[in-house]
Protein backbone atom coordinates (compact mmCIF):
# COMPACT_ATOMS: atom_id res chain seq x y z
CA MET A 1 -0.05 0.09 0.01
CA PHE A 2 1.44 3.36 -1.13
CA VAL A 3 1.55 5.98 1.72
CA GLY A 4 2.02 9.56 0.50
CA ASP A 5 3.41 12.63 2.24
CA ALA A 6 1.45 13.16 5.45
CA PHE A 7 1.53 16.91 5.13
CA ILE A 8 0.23 16.91 1.50
CA THR A 9 -2.34 14.36 2.33
CA PHE A 10 -3.68 16.44 5.16
CA LYS A 11 -3.66 19.65 3.20
CA LEU A 12 -5.69 17.91 0.34
CA LYS A 13 -8.29 16.58 2.82
CA MET A 14 -8.76 19.92 4.46
CA ARG A 15 -9.32 21.39 0.99
CA LYS A 16 -11.89 18.78 0.24
CA LEU A 17 -13.66 19.15 3.62
CA LYS A 18 -13.83 23.03 3.08
CA VAL A 19 -15.70 22.47 -0.23
CA ALA A 20 -17.96 19.80 1.19
CA LEU A 21 -18.88 21.98 4.23
CA SER A 22 -19.54 25.07 2.02
CA VAL A 23 -21.97 22.99 -0.23
CA TRP A 24 -23.65 21.50 2.91
CA SER A 25 -23.99 24.92 4.59
CA LYS A 26 -25.61 26.48 1.40
CA GLU A 27 -27.96 23.47 0.91
CA THR A 28 -28.99 23.45 4.59
CA PHE A 29 -29.18 27.06 5.57
CA GLY A 30 -28.99 29.02 2.26
CA ASP A 31 -27.49 32.46 2.15
CA ILE A 32 -27.05 33.21 5.86
CA PHE A 33 -26.84 36.95 5.44
CA LYS A 34 -29.88 37.15 3.17
CA GLN A 35 -31.90 34.81 5.48
CA LEU A 36 -31.02 36.97 8.42
CA THR A 37 -32.31 40.14 6.69
CA ILE A 38 -35.55 38.25 5.86
CA ARG A 39 -35.99 37.05 9.35
CA GLU A 40 -35.50 40.61 10.74
CA ASP A 41 -38.12 41.90 8.42
CA ILE A 42 -40.40 39.10 9.56
CA VAL A 43 -39.89 39.85 13.22
CA LYS A 44 -40.86 43.54 12.57
CA ILE A 45 -44.03 42.57 10.77
CA LYS A 46 -45.14 40.08 13.50
CA GLU A 47 -44.22 42.66 16.19
CA GLN A 48 -46.50 45.22 14.47
CA LEU A 49 -49.37 42.66 14.15
CA PHE A 50 -48.98 41.70 17.97
CA GLU A 51 -49.07 45.38 18.90
CA GLU A 52 -52.23 46.08 16.85
CA ASP A 53 -54.03 42.79 18.00
CA PRO A 54 -52.36 41.52 21.19
CA PHE A 55 -53.94 38.08 21.11
CA GLU A 56 -52.29 34.94 22.23
CA VAL A 57 -51.92 33.64 18.61
CA ASN A 58 -50.09 36.75 17.48
CA ARG A 59 -47.90 36.61 20.56
CA MET A 60 -46.83 33.03 19.78
CA VAL A 61 -46.26 33.87 16.10
CA PHE A 62 -44.19 36.82 17.12
CA GLN A 63 -42.11 34.71 19.60
CA GLN A 64 -41.46 32.07 16.99
CA ALA A 65 -40.29 34.75 14.48
CA GLN A 66 -37.92 36.03 17.21
CA VAL A 67 -36.51 32.50 17.75
CA GLU A 68 -35.84 32.06 13.98
CA PHE A 69 -34.18 35.45 13.98
CA LYS A 70 -31.83 34.57 16.80
CA ARG A 71 -31.05 31.30 15.20
CA TYR A 72 -29.69 32.92 12.12
CA MET A 73 -27.96 35.60 14.25
CA HIS A 74 -26.05 32.74 15.88
CA PHE A 75 -25.08 31.20 12.44
CA GLU A 76 -23.75 34.64 11.39
CA GLU A 77 -21.77 34.92 14.53
CA GLU A 78 -20.24 31.45 14.11
CA PHE A 79 -19.48 32.30 10.39
CA TRP A 80 -17.35 35.25 11.50
CA LYS A 81 -15.67 33.28 14.36
CA GLN A 82 -14.52 30.73 11.89
CA ASN A 83 -13.38 33.16 9.16
CA VAL A 84 -11.69 35.69 11.42
CA GLY A 85 -10.62 33.50 14.30
CA VAL A 86 -9.38 36.38 16.57
CA LYS A 87 -10.83 38.24 19.56
CA TYR A 88 -9.67 41.90 18.79
CA LYS A 89 -10.64 44.73 16.65
CA GLN A 90 -8.10 46.45 14.43
CA LYS A 91 -8.29 50.13 14.12
CA GLU A 92 -8.14 51.61 10.63
CA ILE A 93 -5.00 53.47 9.74
CA GLU A 94 -5.05 56.07 6.90
CA ILE A 95 -2.12 55.58 4.54
CA GLN A 96 -1.02 57.70 1.43
CA ASP A 97 0.64 55.24 -0.80
CA ARG A 98 -0.21 51.46 -0.20
CA ASP A 99 2.81 50.18 -2.23
CA GLN A 100 5.28 52.28 -0.44
CA ILE A 101 3.98 51.46 3.03
CA SER A 102 3.82 47.80 2.19
CA ALA A 103 7.44 47.76 1.19
CA ALA A 104 8.49 49.87 4.16
CA VAL A 105 6.69 47.36 6.46
CA ILE A 106 8.42 44.34 4.87
CA ASP A 107 11.81 45.98 5.11
CA PHE A 108 11.39 46.95 8.76
CA TYR A 109 10.27 43.54 10.11
CA GLN A 110 12.74 41.76 7.92
CA GLN A 111 15.54 43.60 9.58
CA GLN A 112 13.81 43.00 13.01
CA PHE A 113 13.32 39.31 12.71
CA SER A 114 16.51 38.32 10.86
CA SER A 115 20.14 38.50 11.68
CA GLU A 116 23.30 38.58 9.56
CA LEU A 117 25.38 37.14 12.22
CA THR A 118 25.73 33.37 11.92
CA SER A 119 28.14 31.24 13.94
CA SER A 120 29.05 27.53 13.78
CA ASP A 121 31.21 27.76 16.75
CA TYR A 122 29.37 26.22 19.73
CA SER A 123 32.34 25.57 21.96
CA ILE A 124 30.86 28.04 24.71
CA LEU A 125 28.11 25.38 25.22
CA GLU A 126 30.74 23.17 26.77
CA HIS A 127 30.89 25.52 29.77
CA VAL A 128 27.08 25.53 30.27
CA GLN A 129 26.01 23.38 32.98
CA GLU A 130 23.71 20.38 31.78
CA VAL A 131 20.47 20.58 33.62
CA VAL A 132 18.30 18.34 31.25
CA THR A 133 18.66 14.78 32.17
CA LYS A 134 18.62 11.93 29.58
CA ASP A 135 15.23 10.84 30.61
CA GLN A 136 13.85 14.47 30.17
CA ASN A 137 15.45 14.61 26.72
CA ASP A 138 13.89 11.32 25.71
CA LEU A 139 10.58 12.69 26.90
CA LEU A 140 10.91 15.89 24.88
CA CYS A 141 12.05 13.95 21.69
CA SER A 142 9.71 10.96 21.93
CA MET A 143 6.83 10.33 19.52
CA PRO A 144 3.62 11.92 21.00
CA SER A 145 0.68 9.52 21.74
CA LEU A 146 -2.63 10.00 20.16
CA GLU A 147 -4.06 11.07 23.53
CA GLU A 148 -1.37 13.87 23.86
CA VAL A 149 -2.29 15.24 20.40
CA HIS A 150 -5.98 14.95 21.24
CA LYS A 151 -5.47 16.91 24.40
CA ALA A 152 -3.51 19.66 22.56
CA VAL A 153 -6.20 20.05 19.95
CA PHE A 154 -8.99 20.43 22.39
CA GLU A 155 -7.00 22.82 24.63
CA LEU A 156 -6.67 25.27 21.62
CA ALA A 157 -10.09 24.69 20.22
CA GLY A 158 -12.70 22.32 21.60
CA ASP A 159 -14.86 22.69 18.61
CA SER A 160 -12.16 21.86 16.16
CA ALA A 161 -13.16 19.74 13.10
CA TYR A 162 -9.79 18.21 12.46
CA GLY A 163 -9.77 14.40 12.18
CA PRO A 164 -7.48 12.73 14.80
CA ASP A 165 -5.83 10.41 12.37
CA ASP A 166 -4.88 13.08 9.87
CA VAL A 167 -3.39 15.25 12.64
CA TYR A 168 -1.56 12.33 14.25
CA ASN A 169 -0.06 11.39 10.84
CA VAL A 170 1.27 15.02 10.55
CA PHE A 171 2.77 14.64 14.14
CA LYS A 172 4.51 11.36 13.21
CA ALA A 173 5.94 12.81 9.97
CA PHE A 174 7.30 15.87 11.98
CA PHE A 175 8.71 13.88 14.89
CA ASP A 176 10.34 11.45 12.28
CA GLY A 177 12.32 14.48 10.96
CA GLN A 178 10.24 15.57 7.97
CA THR A 179 10.55 19.22 7.10
CA LEU A 180 7.37 21.23 7.63
CA PRO A 181 5.94 22.44 4.40
CA LYS A 182 5.08 26.21 3.69
CA SER A 183 1.31 25.25 4.03
CA VAL A 184 2.00 24.50 7.67
CA THR A 185 4.64 27.08 8.57
CA HIS A 186 2.95 30.01 6.76
CA THR A 187 2.18 32.89 9.12
CA ASN A 188 0.30 36.17 8.73
CA LEU A 189 1.46 39.21 10.61
CA VAL A 190 -1.25 41.68 11.74
CA LEU A 191 -0.07 45.10 12.82
CA LEU A 192 -2.17 46.51 15.84
CA PRO A 193 -1.71 50.19 16.80
CA LYS A 194 -0.36 50.83 20.30
CA LYS A 195 -1.60 54.49 20.33
CA GLU A 196 -4.12 56.74 18.60
CA ILE A 197 -1.55 58.53 16.35
CA ILE A 198 0.92 56.28 14.55
CA ASN A 199 4.31 57.93 13.77
CA ASN A 200 6.48 54.92 12.92
CA PHE A 201 6.41 51.16 12.92
CA SER A 202 7.51 50.97 16.41
CA ASP A 203 3.97 52.26 17.39
CA LEU A 204 2.55 49.01 15.87
CA ARG A 205 2.39 45.68 17.66
CA PRO A 206 2.77 42.67 15.35
CA MET A 207 0.38 39.78 16.06
CA ARG A 208 1.17 36.35 14.59
CA LEU A 209 -1.76 34.38 13.05
CA SER A 210 -0.39 30.91 12.59
CA ASN A 211 -1.76 27.82 10.84
CA PHE A 212 -3.72 25.63 13.43
CA ILE A 213 -1.74 22.51 12.81
CA ASN A 214 1.33 24.55 13.48
CA MET A 215 -0.08 25.81 16.70
CA ILE A 216 -0.95 22.19 17.80
CA ILE A 217 2.63 21.10 17.22
CA THR A 218 3.89 24.06 19.30
CA ARG A 219 1.25 23.32 22.04
CA VAL A 220 2.51 19.73 22.47
CA ILE A 221 6.13 20.90 22.71
CA HIS A 222 4.98 23.60 25.19
CA ASP A 223 3.21 21.15 27.38
CA ARG A 224 6.32 18.83 27.49
CA LEU A 225 8.60 21.74 28.42
CA GLU A 226 6.26 22.91 31.03
CA SER A 227 6.52 19.70 32.93
CA ILE A 228 10.45 20.23 33.34
CA LEU A 229 10.68 23.96 33.65
CA HIS A 230 10.77 23.80 37.39
CA SER A 231 14.26 21.96 37.18
CA LEU A 232 15.54 24.29 34.54
CA ILE A 233 14.64 27.84 35.82
CA SER A 234 16.14 29.12 38.95
CA GLN A 235 13.89 29.62 42.02
CA ASN A 236 14.83 33.35 41.86
CA GLN A 237 12.79 33.60 38.70
CA SER A 238 9.27 34.20 40.04
CA GLY A 239 7.51 35.60 36.98
CA PHE A 240 6.29 33.95 33.80
CA VAL A 241 6.51 30.54 35.44
CA LYS A 242 3.40 28.40 36.24
CA GLY A 243 2.94 28.20 39.97
CA ARG A 244 5.01 31.27 40.65
CA ASN A 245 3.88 34.85 40.87
CA ILE A 246 5.93 37.93 40.10
CA ILE A 247 4.19 39.84 42.88
CA GLU A 248 6.44 37.73 45.32
CA ASN A 249 9.31 40.00 44.31
CA VAL A 250 7.23 43.13 45.07
CA LEU A 251 6.37 41.72 48.60
CA LEU A 252 10.02 40.78 49.01
CA THR A 253 11.17 44.26 48.25
CA GLN A 254 8.54 45.94 50.64
CA GLU A 255 9.75 43.67 53.41
CA VAL A 256 13.44 44.56 52.85
CA VAL A 257 12.56 48.33 52.73
CA ALA A 258 10.48 48.04 55.86
CA ASP A 259 13.26 46.18 57.60
CA ILE A 260 15.89 48.82 56.52
CA ARG A 261 13.67 51.57 57.92
CA LYS A 262 13.44 49.84 61.33
CA ARG A 263 17.24 49.93 61.61
C-alpha cells in the first residue's frame, strides 16, 4: 500500500472538507446573510401585528419569529468566528501610498526578525551546566501519543473539526524528521496600533496568526517543556512560570525596605 506525504495528504483532505462543508451549509441554511435580513423583516411585521392585535396567537407567532431570527444571528456569529478566528478589533490606519507603505513594512520587520550574524562555533556550550537529564530529553523527543495530540487540539479549540488520524499522521511525520511544508509554517502578521496616532512602525504591535496545525505542534512541545521547567529555571525567577507569581518580588522588596527603615 502506497503511503504519501502526510502533510500533503492532510492539506488535500482539508481542501475537500472545506468544499464539502460550504456546499452543505448552502444547501442546509442557504445564504445566511440574506436569510438573516428576511428574518429581521419578519420579526418587525409580526411585532407590529401583535401590537395591533395583542392576542395569544399573534404573541406566539411573534415569539417564533424572534426564535428564528436569533437562530440565524447565531449562524452569522459562528461564520465570522470561523473566518476571522481572532478576538480583537483592528483600528483603521489612513495611508497615502499603499505600495510604499507595504514595502517599508516588509523591510522593517525583515530587519527586526532576521540576523546577519551566523556562527558555527558552539564551543561555549561546553561551559554551560547540563540541567536536562537523559530521561527528560527522551521525553521531549519521543513520539507523541494519540491522547497527547488529542489533548492539545481540544485545549486550543474544543470545537475543532480536524480528524485525529490526519493530525496524528502529521505529528508522526514531524517527529520522524520531515521538514514542515510552507502550508503549515505560513504565518500572517497583523499590525495593531499601540496608540491613537501612528508615527512609525514601533507604534505598531505585530500579532502572529499561525496555521492551526502549527499551533498544535507548538502546544505539544510547550506542554512537554512545562513539565520540566521547574528543574531548569532558578527559584529566583518568580515571573512567567506556572505556579509562581511576580508579585512575590514586590512583597519581598517591601519587606526589605521596611526592615531597613526599622534599623
